[in-house]
Amino acid sequence: MWKKEALSIPQKEECAFDFKLEQGRIVIYAKINDMDSLRFLLDNGATTTIFDSTFWMSIKEYKNPHFIQKSGNFDYYYCPTSISLSDYTYSIDTIYVASERYSHDYFSALSLNGMIGVELFYKSIVSIDFGNQKIHIGHQLPENIQDYEQYEMVSLRKHGDPYYHKFRFLTINGLYDKNGEPVSSNFLIDLGSVANNIDYPFCDNIDIAKSKSMAKDTASMIYLLLNKCPMRESVYMDTFADTIHIDNFKNGVIGIDFLRHFDVIFDYPDNKLYLKPNGE
């Protein structure tokens, strides 16, 4: 019997490992069995670990997988595998293998072996230091947490898929519409996205001047969203929302272009996001 959800079994309670920011994306190095220095994109906007098709062919016979099904751009295999990042190891039962076209579009340019999704850390506290390009996974907040701005995250459901609770959406307070009323907003936080994207109706309805003047507790976030790395209007969001079918999905995606300006802490168990401007 295969299991759809991966089992995260860390060998250590805490660990830290380096990453590289390449073309605006987080690239981490992993070891699978006796193969090390494998390059994976880190993407908390994906629920699972995905292998590049060429990489999969090189290890397929060695792993002796059991084919489950094909769905869209991916083949699913039952293939228990341990993946190590520094001294942090987690185990998965199901391998998602990208099609050749998907692999070419998403992995080839950076010579990636695949993508590691949010299953790696969605039960942990994750700190991302973009300045020193280091990620820390643990279960305690740092002593200087009072220096960070705190924001609420929410977990929204995809219709018919219980595993989308792993995604986190950021609630931004401090935006106002053109009638002067506060606007409630939820943005998908996506480390796999470089740009920030927003849907047309939402963007057209925002009073930028009032949002800037009223920003207090969310000053850093509002300033950056509306000035230094503004949200990009994109019809892509209409397609994206229709594709993932998440209940109450609203406004857009916040990507690396925004997050890299902060020291970032994802507190997944407590649904909190902590941000401290890093001066970049």
C-alpha atoms as a PDB file:
ATOM      1  CA  MET A   1       0.000   0.000   0.000  1.00  0.00           C
ATOM      2  CA  TRP A   2       1.534   3.297  -1.050  1.00  0.00           C
ATOM      3  CA  LYS A   3       1.095   6.487   0.934  1.00  0.00           C
ATOM      4  CA  LYS A   4       0.399   9.770  -0.744  1.00  0.00           C
ATOM      5  CA  GLU A   5       1.747  11.941   2.037  1.00  0.00           C
ATOM      6  CA  ALA A   6       5.449  11.928   2.822  1.00  0.00           C
ATOM      7  CA  LEU A   7       6.676  11.088   6.297  1.00  0.00           C
ATOM      8  CA  SER A   8       9.121  13.679   7.582  1.00  0.00           C
ATOM      9  CA  ILE A   9      11.520  11.992  10.010  1.00  0.00           C
ATOM     10  CA  PRO A  10      14.373  14.334  10.919  1.00  0.00           C
ATOM     11  CA  GLN A  11      17.469  12.740  12.386  1.00  0.00           C
ATOM     12  CA  LYS A  12      18.169  15.909  14.379  1.00  0.00           C
ATOM     13  CA  GLU A  13      15.784  18.328  16.037  1.00  0.00           C
ATOM     14  CA  GLU A  14      17.599  21.300  14.505  1.00  0.00           C
ATOM     15  CA  CYS A  15      19.900  21.844  11.571  1.00  0.00           C
ATOM     16  CA  ALA A  16      21.233  24.536   9.257  1.00  0.00           C
ATOM     17  CA  PHE A  17      22.363  24.352   5.659  1.00  0.00           C
ATOM     18  CA  ASP A  18      23.490  26.712   2.939  1.00  0.00           C
ATOM     19  CA  PHE A  19      21.671  27.699  -0.208  1.00  0.00           C
ATOM     20  CA  LYS A  20      22.480  29.679  -3.312  1.00  0.00           C
ATOM     21  CA  LEU A  21      20.280  32.326  -4.848  1.00  0.00           C
ATOM     22  CA  GLU A  22      20.441  31.655  -8.573  1.00  0.00           C
ATOM     23  CA  GLN A  23      18.334  33.640 -11.021  1.00  0.00           C
ATOM     24  CA  GLY A  24      16.199  34.685  -8.067  1.00  0.00           C
ATOM     25  CA  ARG A  25      15.527  31.127  -6.872  1.00  0.00           C
ATOM     26  CA  ILE A  26      16.671  29.198  -3.811  1.00  0.00           C
ATOM     27  CA  VAL A  27      18.896  26.264  -4.803  1.00  0.00           C
ATOM     28  CA  ILE A  28      19.885  23.750  -2.124  1.00  0.00           C
ATOM     29  CA  TYR A  29      22.190  20.726  -2.241  1.00  0.00           C
ATOM     30  CA  ALA A  30      20.944  17.302  -1.237  1.00  0.00           C
ATOM     31  CA  LYS A  31      22.169  13.732  -0.920  1.00  0.00           C
ATOM     32  CA  ILE A  32      20.136  10.693  -1.930  1.00  0.00           C
ATOM     33  CA  ASN A  33      21.679   7.398  -0.909  1.00  0.00           C
ATOM     34  CA  ASP A  34      25.281   7.564  -2.168  1.00  0.00           C
ATOM     35  CA  MET A  35      24.648  10.440  -4.586  1.00  0.00           C
ATOM     36  CA  ASP A  36      25.564  13.826  -3.177  1.00  0.00           C
ATOM     37  CA  SER A  37      25.794  17.418  -4.428  1.00  0.00           C
ATOM     38  CA  LEU A  38      22.388  17.054  -6.077  1.00  0.00           C
ATOM     39  CA  ARG A  39      20.804  20.399  -6.894  1.00  0.00           C
ATOM     40  CA  PHE A  40      17.165  21.037  -5.949  1.00  0.00           C
ATOM     41  CA  LEU A  41      14.935  24.071  -6.099  1.00  0.00           C
ATOM     42  CA  LEU A  42      13.319  24.846  -2.723  1.00  0.00           C
ATOM     43  CA  ASP A  43       9.655  25.685  -3.215  1.00  0.00           C
ATOM     44  CA  ASN A  44       7.141  25.973  -0.373  1.00  0.00           C
ATOM     45  CA  GLY A  45       4.496  26.600  -3.034  1.00  0.00           C
ATOM     46  CA  ALA A  46       4.768  22.905  -3.954  1.00  0.00           C
ATOM     47  CA  THR A  47       3.515  20.182  -1.635  1.00  0.00           C
ATOM     48  CA  THR A  48       5.845  17.400  -2.754  1.00  0.00           C
ATOM     49  CA  THR A  49       9.339  16.474  -3.890  1.00  0.00           C
ATOM     50  CA  ILE A  50       9.626  16.313  -7.679  1.00  0.00           C
ATOM     51  CA  PHE A  51      12.433  14.703  -9.682  1.00  0.00           C
ATOM     52  CA  ASP A  52      13.704  15.869 -13.041  1.00  0.00           C
ATOM     53  CA  SER A  53      12.949  13.302 -15.753  1.00  0.00           C
ATOM     54  CA  THR A  54      16.602  12.836 -16.799  1.00  0.00           C
ATOM     55  CA  PHE A  55      17.763  12.437 -13.209  1.00  0.00           C
ATOM     56  CA  TRP A  56      14.981   9.930 -12.581  1.00  0.00           C
ATOM     57  CA  MET A  57      16.027   7.792 -15.538  1.00  0.00           C
ATOM     58  CA  SER A  58      19.567   7.621 -14.153  1.00  0.00           C
ATOM     59  CA  ILE A  59      18.384   6.133 -10.841  1.00  0.00           C
ATOM     60  CA  LYS A  60      15.144   4.384 -11.836  1.00  0.00           C
ATOM     61  CA  GLU A  61      16.525   0.865 -12.150  1.00  0.00           C
ATOM     62  CA  TYR A  62      18.623   1.295  -9.044  1.00  0.00           C
ATOM     63  CA  LYS A  63      15.567   2.297  -6.970  1.00  0.00           C
ATOM     64  CA  ASN A  64      13.232  -0.381  -8.437  1.00  0.00           C
ATOM     65  CA  PRO A  65      10.085   1.757  -8.144  1.00  0.00           C
ATOM     66  CA  HIS A  66       6.456   0.758  -8.465  1.00  0.00           C
ATOM     67  CA  PHE A  67       4.485   2.883 -10.955  1.00  0.00           C
ATOM     68  CA  ILE A  68       1.217   4.239  -9.543  1.00  0.00           C
ATOM     69  CA  GLN A  69      -0.352   6.561 -12.062  1.00  0.00           C
ATOM     70  CA  LYS A  70       0.145   9.434 -14.466  1.00  0.00           C
ATOM     71  CA  SER A  71      -1.475  12.802 -13.822  1.00  0.00           C
ATOM     72  CA  GLY A  72      -0.863  15.843 -15.987  1.00  0.00           C
ATOM     73  CA  ASN A  73       2.846  16.651 -16.096  1.00  0.00           C
ATOM     74  CA  PHE A  74       3.824  14.030 -13.522  1.00  0.00           C
ATOM     75  CA  ASP A  75       4.226  10.280 -13.075  1.00  0.00           C
ATOM     76  CA  TYR A  76       3.756   8.961  -9.545  1.00  0.00           C
ATOM     77  CA  TYR A  77       5.893   6.101  -8.210  1.00  0.00           C
ATOM     78  CA  TYR A  78       5.905   4.267  -4.913  1.00  0.00           C
ATOM     79  CA  CYS A  79       9.584   4.457  -4.080  1.00  0.00           C
ATOM     80  CA  PRO A  80      10.640   4.951  -0.427  1.00  0.00           C
ATOM     81  CA  THR A  81      13.566   7.357  -0.451  1.00  0.00           C
ATOM     82  CA  SER A  82      15.617   9.266   2.108  1.00  0.00           C
ATOM     83  CA  ILE A  83      16.830  12.752   1.243  1.00  0.00           C
ATOM     84  CA  SER A  84      19.566  14.441   3.291  1.00  0.00           C
ATOM     85  CA  LEU A  85      20.278  18.145   3.538  1.00  0.00           C
ATOM     86  CA  SER A  86      23.441  18.524   5.579  1.00  0.00           C
ATOM     87  CA  ASP A  87      22.633  16.446   8.692  1.00  0.00           C
ATOM     88  CA  TYR A  88      18.854  16.742   8.266  1.00  0.00           C
ATOM     89  CA  THR A  89      17.194  13.702   6.694  1.00  0.00           C
ATOM     90  CA  TYR A  90      13.576  13.184   5.753  1.00  0.00           C
ATOM     91  CA  SER A  91      11.836  10.222   4.151  1.00  0.00           C
ATOM     92  CA  ILE A  92       9.248  10.101   1.395  1.00  0.00           C
ATOM     93  CA  ASP A  93       7.262   7.195   0.016  1.00  0.00           C
ATOM     94  CA  THR A  94       5.986   8.683  -3.231  1.00  0.00           C
ATOM     95  CA  ILE A  95       8.191  10.126  -5.971  1.00  0.00           C
ATOM     96  CA  TYR A  96       6.724  12.643  -8.401  1.00  0.00           C
ATOM     97  CA  VAL A  97       8.594  12.599 -11.711  1.00  0.00           C
ATOM     98  CA  ALA A  98       8.200  15.563 -14.040  1.00  0.00           C
ATOM     99  CA  SER A  99       7.566  15.134 -17.746  1.00  0.00           C
ATOM    100  CA  GLU A 100      10.373  15.975 -20.168  1.00  0.00           C
ATOM    101  CA  ARG A 101       8.633  19.223 -21.126  1.00  0.00           C
ATOM    102  CA  TYR A 102       8.123  20.285 -17.501  1.00  0.00           C
ATOM    103  CA  SER A 103      11.718  19.335 -16.675  1.00  0.00           C
ATOM    104  CA  HIS A 104      13.003  21.388 -19.595  1.00  0.00           C
ATOM    105  CA  ASP A 105      10.915  24.418 -18.656  1.00  0.00           C
ATOM    106  CA  TYR A 106      11.608  24.424 -14.912  1.00  0.00           C
ATOM    107  CA  PHE A 107      14.835  22.528 -14.222  1.00  0.00           C
ATOM    108  CA  SER A 108      17.149  22.636 -17.229  1.00  0.00           C
ATOM    109  CA  ALA A 109      18.174  26.294 -17.089  1.00  0.00           C
ATOM    110  CA  LEU A 110      19.663  25.885 -13.603  1.00  0.00           C
ATOM    111  CA  SER A 111      20.823  22.270 -14.108  1.00  0.00           C
ATOM    112  CA  LEU A 112      18.519  21.081 -11.327  1.00  0.00           C
ATOM    113  CA  ASN A 113      17.800  17.510 -10.296  1.00  0.00           C
ATOM    114  CA  GLY A 114      14.341  18.475  -9.141  1.00  0.00           C
ATOM    115  CA  MET A 115      12.335  20.393  -6.576  1.00  0.00           C
ATOM    116  CA  ILE A 116      11.849  19.965  -2.829  1.00  0.00           C
ATOM    117  CA  GLY A 117       8.474  21.134  -1.588  1.00  0.00           C
ATOM    118  CA  VAL A 118       7.001  22.291   1.694  1.00  0.00           C
ATOM    119  CA  GLU A 119       6.791  18.726   3.044  1.00  0.00           C
ATOM    120  CA  LEU A 120      10.404  19.282   4.136  1.00  0.00           C
ATOM    121  CA  PHE A 121       9.520  21.737   6.887  1.00  0.00           C
ATOM    122  CA  TYR A 122       5.790  22.456   7.219  1.00  0.00           C
ATOM    123  CA  LYS A 123       5.783  21.179  10.818  1.00  0.00           C
ATOM    124  CA  SER A 124       8.790  23.279  11.861  1.00  0.00           C
ATOM    125  CA  ILE A 125      10.056  26.814  12.405  1.00  0.00           C
ATOM    126  CA  VAL A 126      12.137  27.813   9.394  1.00  0.00           C
ATOM    127  CA  SER A 127      14.518  30.776   9.310  1.00  0.00           C
ATOM    128  CA  ILE A 128      15.858  32.061   5.986  1.00  0.00           C
ATOM    129  CA  ASP A 129      18.858  34.393   6.075  1.00  0.00           C
ATOM    130  CA  PHE A 130      19.088  35.793   2.546  1.00  0.00           C
ATOM    131  CA  GLY A 131      22.156  37.886   3.398  1.00  0.00           C
ATOM    132  CA  ASN A 132      24.270  34.886   4.426  1.00  0.00           C
ATOM    133  CA  GLN A 133      22.279  32.424   2.286  1.00  0.00           C
ATOM    134  CA  LYS A 134      21.557  30.015   5.101  1.00  0.00           C
ATOM    135  CA  ILE A 135      18.433  28.128   6.177  1.00  0.00           C
ATOM    136  CA  HIS A 136      17.788  26.951   9.735  1.00  0.00           C
ATOM    137  CA  ILE A 137      15.123  24.367  10.594  1.00  0.00           C
ATOM    138  CA  GLY A 138      14.123  23.888  14.218  1.00  0.00           C
ATOM    139  CA  HIS A 139      11.353  24.205  16.787  1.00  0.00           C
ATOM    140  CA  GLN A 140      12.196  27.397  18.685  1.00  0.00           C
ATOM    141  CA  LEU A 141      12.025  31.070  17.820  1.00  0.00           C
ATOM    142  CA  PRO A 142      15.247  33.095  18.200  1.00  0.00           C
ATOM    143  CA  GLU A 143      15.821  35.172  21.325  1.00  0.00           C
ATOM    144  CA  ASN A 144      15.637  38.422  19.343  1.00  0.00           C
ATOM    145  CA  ILE A 145      12.190  37.682  17.895  1.00  0.00           C
ATOM    146  CA  GLN A 146      10.951  41.012  19.313  1.00  0.00           C
ATOM    147  CA  ASP A 147      13.049  42.725  16.620  1.00  0.00           C
ATOM    148  CA  TYR A 148      10.851  41.214  13.887  1.00  0.00           C
ATOM    149  CA  GLU A 149       7.525  42.410  12.512  1.00  0.00           C
ATOM    150  CA  GLN A 150       4.884  39.723  13.057  1.00  0.00           C
ATOM    151  CA  TYR A 151       2.210  38.779  10.532  1.00  0.00           C
ATOM    152  CA  GLU A 152      -0.558  36.221  10.528  1.00  0.00           C
ATOM    153  CA  MET A 153      -0.529  33.312   8.113  1.00  0.00           C
ATOM    154  CA  VAL A 154      -3.591  31.276   7.250  1.00  0.00           C
ATOM    155  CA  SER A 155      -3.976  27.764   5.939  1.00  0.00           C
ATOM    156  CA  LEU A 156      -6.543  27.478   3.163  1.00  0.00           C
ATOM    157  CA  ARG A 157      -7.965  24.311   1.676  1.00  0.00           C
ATOM    158  CA  LYS A 158      -8.010  23.142  -1.878  1.00  0.00           C
ATOM    159  CA  HIS A 159     -11.293  21.537  -2.882  1.00  0.00           C
ATOM    160  CA  GLY A 160     -11.039  17.783  -2.392  1.00  0.00           C
ATOM    161  CA  ASP A 161      -7.348  17.729  -1.470  1.00  0.00           C
ATOM    162  CA  PRO A 162      -6.509  17.487   2.251  1.00  0.00           C
ATOM    163  CA  TYR A 163      -2.797  18.022   1.662  1.00  0.00           C
ATOM    164  CA  TYR A 164      -3.025  21.683   0.679  1.00  0.00           C
ATOM    165  CA  HIS A 165      -3.112  22.640   4.362  1.00  0.00           C
ATOM    166  CA  LYS A 166       0.672  22.710   3.961  1.00  0.00           C
ATOM    167  CA  PHE A 167       0.425  25.936   1.966  1.00  0.00           C
ATOM    168  CA  ARG A 168       0.484  29.214   3.880  1.00  0.00           C
ATOM    169  CA  PHE A 169      -1.170  32.444   2.868  1.00  0.00           C
ATOM    170  CA  LEU A 170      -0.111  35.798   4.261  1.00  0.00           C
ATOM    171  CA  THR A 171      -2.825  38.130   5.518  1.00  0.00           C
ATOM    172  CA  ILE A 172      -1.799  41.739   4.899  1.00  0.00           C
ATOM    173  CA  ASN A 173      -3.594  44.410   6.915  1.00  0.00           C
ATOM    174  CA  GLY A 174      -3.017  48.011   5.901  1.00  0.00           C
ATOM    175  CA  LEU A 175      -4.284  48.066   2.335  1.00  0.00           C
ATOM    176  CA  TYR A 176      -7.226  50.349   1.487  1.00  0.00           C
ATOM    177  CA  ASP A 177      -9.593  50.470  -1.450  1.00  0.00           C
ATOM    178  CA  LYS A 178     -10.527  53.577  -3.411  1.00  0.00           C
ATOM    179  CA  ASN A 179     -13.544  54.140  -1.158  1.00  0.00           C
ATOM    180  CA  GLY A 180     -11.193  54.452   1.816  1.00  0.00           C
ATOM    181  CA  GLU A 181     -12.231  51.111   3.303  1.00  0.00           C
ATOM    182  CA  PRO A 182      -9.704  48.585   4.645  1.00  0.00           C
ATOM    183  CA  VAL A 183      -9.157  45.614   2.381  1.00  0.00           C
ATOM    184  CA  SER A 184      -8.728  42.057   3.617  1.00  0.00           C
ATOM    185  CA  SER A 185      -6.154  40.175   1.578  1.00  0.00           C
ATOM    186  CA  ASN A 186      -4.541  36.752   1.396  1.00  0.00           C
ATOM    187  CA  PHE A 187      -1.387  36.195  -0.661  1.00  0.00           C
ATOM    188  CA  LEU A 188       0.256  32.842  -1.295  1.00  0.00           C
ATOM    189  CA  ILE A 189       3.821  32.884   0.046  1.00  0.00           C
ATOM    190  CA  ASP A 190       5.844  31.145  -2.648  1.00  0.00           C
ATOM    191  CA  LEU A 191       9.599  30.623  -2.369  1.00  0.00           C
ATOM    192  CA  GLY A 192       9.480  29.048  -5.821  1.00  0.00           C
ATOM    193  CA  SER A 193       8.295  32.281  -7.436  1.00  0.00           C
ATOM    194  CA  VAL A 194      10.705  35.083  -8.255  1.00  0.00           C
ATOM    195  CA  ALA A 195       8.186  37.838  -8.936  1.00  0.00           C
ATOM    196  CA  ASN A 196       5.213  39.105  -6.975  1.00  0.00           C
ATOM    197  CA  ASN A 197       1.958  38.752  -8.873  1.00  0.00           C
ATOM    198  CA  ILE A 198      -1.454  40.226  -8.237  1.00  0.00           C
ATOM    199  CA  ASP A 199      -4.793  39.888 -10.000  1.00  0.00           C
ATOM    200  CA  TYR A 200      -6.187  42.818 -11.983  1.00  0.00           C
ATOM    201  CA  PRO A 201      -9.425  43.501 -10.039  1.00  0.00           C
ATOM    202  CA  PHE A 202      -7.647  43.581  -6.694  1.00  0.00           C
ATOM    203  CA  CYS A 203      -4.853  45.849  -7.936  1.00  0.00           C
ATOM    204  CA  ASP A 204      -7.233  48.274  -9.636  1.00  0.00           C
ATOM    205  CA  ASN A 205      -9.220  48.652  -6.413  1.00  0.00           C
ATOM    206  CA  ILE A 206      -6.279  49.567  -4.159  1.00  0.00           C
ATOM    207  CA  ASP A 207      -5.743  53.183  -3.095  1.00  0.00           C
ATOM    208  CA  ILE A 208      -1.952  53.218  -3.089  1.00  0.00           C
ATOM    209  CA  ALA A 209      -1.572  56.694  -1.556  1.00  0.00           C
ATOM    210  CA  LYS A 210      -3.872  55.967   1.393  1.00  0.00           C
ATOM    211  CA  SER A 211      -2.321  52.534   1.953  1.00  0.00           C
ATOM    212  CA  LYS A 212       1.122  54.142   2.183  1.00  0.00           C
ATOM    213  CA  SER A 213       0.005  56.932   4.521  1.00  0.00           C
ATOM    214  CA  MET A 214      -1.872  54.618   6.875  1.00  0.00           C
ATOM    215  CA  ALA A 215       0.838  51.951   7.139  1.00  0.00           C
ATOM    216  CA  LYS A 216       2.077  51.585  10.722  1.00  0.00           C
ATOM    217  CA  ASP A 217       2.689  48.084  12.035  1.00  0.00           C
ATOM    218  CA  THR A 218       3.029  46.865   8.461  1.00  0.00           C
ATOM    219  CA  ALA A 219       5.227  49.764   7.332  1.00  0.00           C
ATOM    220  CA  SER A 220       8.073  47.694   5.919  1.00  0.00           C
ATOM    221  CA  MET A 221       5.774  45.384   4.017  1.00  0.00           C
ATOM    222  CA  ILE A 222       3.580  48.117   2.552  1.00  0.00           C
ATOM    223  CA  TYR A 223       6.583  50.189   1.518  1.00  0.00           C
ATOM    224  CA  LEU A 224       8.228  47.332  -0.302  1.00  0.00           C
ATOM    225  CA  LEU A 225       5.094  46.028  -1.958  1.00  0.00           C
ATOM    226  CA  LEU A 226       4.095  49.429  -3.264  1.00  0.00           C
ATOM    227  CA  ASN A 227       7.529  50.922  -3.947  1.00  0.00           C
ATOM    228  CA  LYS A 228      10.718  48.875  -4.039  1.00  0.00           C
ATOM    229  CA  CYS A 229       9.309  45.647  -5.455  1.00  0.00           C
ATOM    230  CA  PRO A 230       5.715  46.395  -6.471  1.00  0.00           C
ATOM    231  CA  MET A 231       3.227  43.687  -7.194  1.00  0.00           C
ATOM    232  CA  ARG A 232       3.043  43.009 -10.897  1.00  0.00           C
ATOM    233  CA  GLU A 233      -0.401  43.043 -12.433  1.00  0.00           C
ATOM    234  CA  SER A 234      -0.834  39.762 -14.220  1.00  0.00           C
ATOM    235  CA  VAL A 235      -3.605  37.830 -15.916  1.00  0.00           C
ATOM    236  CA  TYR A 236      -1.586  34.821 -14.792  1.00  0.00           C
ATOM    237  CA  MET A 237      -3.341  35.081 -11.438  1.00  0.00           C
ATOM    238  CA  ASP A 238      -6.740  34.340 -12.952  1.00  0.00           C
ATOM    239  CA  THR A 239      -5.387  31.106 -14.408  1.00  0.00           C
ATOM    240  CA  PHE A 240      -3.505  30.294 -11.213  1.00  0.00           C
ATOM    241  CA  ALA A 241      -6.568  30.692  -9.011  1.00  0.00           C
ATOM    242  CA  ASP A 242      -8.649  28.540 -11.334  1.00  0.00           C
ATOM    243  CA  THR A 243      -5.926  25.880 -11.384  1.00  0.00           C
ATOM    244  CA  ILE A 244      -5.400  25.388  -7.665  1.00  0.00           C
ATOM    245  CA  HIS A 245      -9.075  25.888  -6.686  1.00  0.00           C
ATOM    246  CA  ILE A 246      -8.274  26.929  -3.143  1.00  0.00           C
ATOM    247  CA  ASP A 247     -11.166  28.077  -0.968  1.00  0.00           C
ATOM    248  CA  ASN A 248     -11.072  31.840  -0.424  1.00  0.00           C
ATOM    249  CA  PHE A 249      -7.953  32.246  -2.532  1.00  0.00           C
ATOM    250  CA  LYS A 250      -7.904  35.907  -3.369  1.00  0.00           C
ATOM    251  CA  ASN A 251      -5.199  38.217  -4.334  1.00  0.00           C
ATOM    252  CA  GLY A 252      -1.862  36.970  -5.564  1.00  0.00           C
ATOM    253  CA  VAL A 253       1.595  35.600  -4.904  1.00  0.00           C
ATOM    254  CA  ILE A 254       4.455  37.016  -2.841  1.00  0.00           C
ATOM    255  CA  GLY A 255       7.760  35.684  -4.111  1.00  0.00           C
ATOM    256  CA  ILE A 256      11.508  35.968  -3.621  1.00  0.00           C
ATOM    257  CA  ASP A 257      11.585  39.459  -5.119  1.00  0.00           C
ATOM    258  CA  PHE A 258       9.883  40.647  -1.934  1.00  0.00           C
ATOM    259  CA  LEU A 259      11.100  38.177   0.686  1.00  0.00           C
ATOM    260  CA  ARG A 260      14.812  38.629  -0.071  1.00  0.00           C
ATOM    261  CA  HIS A 261      14.641  42.101   1.524  1.00  0.00           C
ATOM    262  CA  PHE A 262      14.061  40.503   4.935  1.00  0.00           C
ATOM    263  CA  ASP A 263      15.350  38.014   7.421  1.00  0.00           C
ATOM    264  CA  VAL A 264      12.393  35.627   7.242  1.00  0.00           C
ATOM    265  CA  ILE A 265      11.008  33.222   9.823  1.00  0.00           C
ATOM    266  CA  PHE A 266       8.138  30.876   8.988  1.00  0.00           C
ATOM    267  CA  ASP A 267       6.527  29.576  12.175  1.00  0.00           C
ATOM    268  CA  TYR A 268       4.385  26.875  10.577  1.00  0.00           C
ATOM    269  CA  PRO A 269       2.993  25.352  13.826  1.00  0.00           C
ATOM    270  CA  ASP A 270       1.752  28.745  15.067  1.00  0.00           C
ATOM    271  CA  ASN A 271       0.852  30.198  11.632  1.00  0.00           C
ATOM    272  CA  LYS A 272       3.079  33.247  12.023  1.00  0.00           C
ATOM    273  CA  LEU A 273       5.458  34.973   9.633  1.00  0.00           C
ATOM    274  CA  TYR A 274       8.228  37.137  11.069  1.00  0.00           C
ATOM    275  CA  LEU A 275      10.060  39.703   8.970  1.00  0.00           C
ATOM    276  CA  LYS A 276      13.047  41.929   9.777  1.00  0.00           C
ATOM    277  CA  PRO A 277      14.385  44.227   7.032  1.00  0.00           C
ATOM    278  CA  ASN A 278      17.924  43.193   6.140  1.00  0.00           C
ATOM    279  CA  GLY A 279      18.936  46.387   4.372  1.00  0.00           C
ATOM    280  CA  GLU A 280      19.041  44.949   0.865  1.00  0.00           C
END
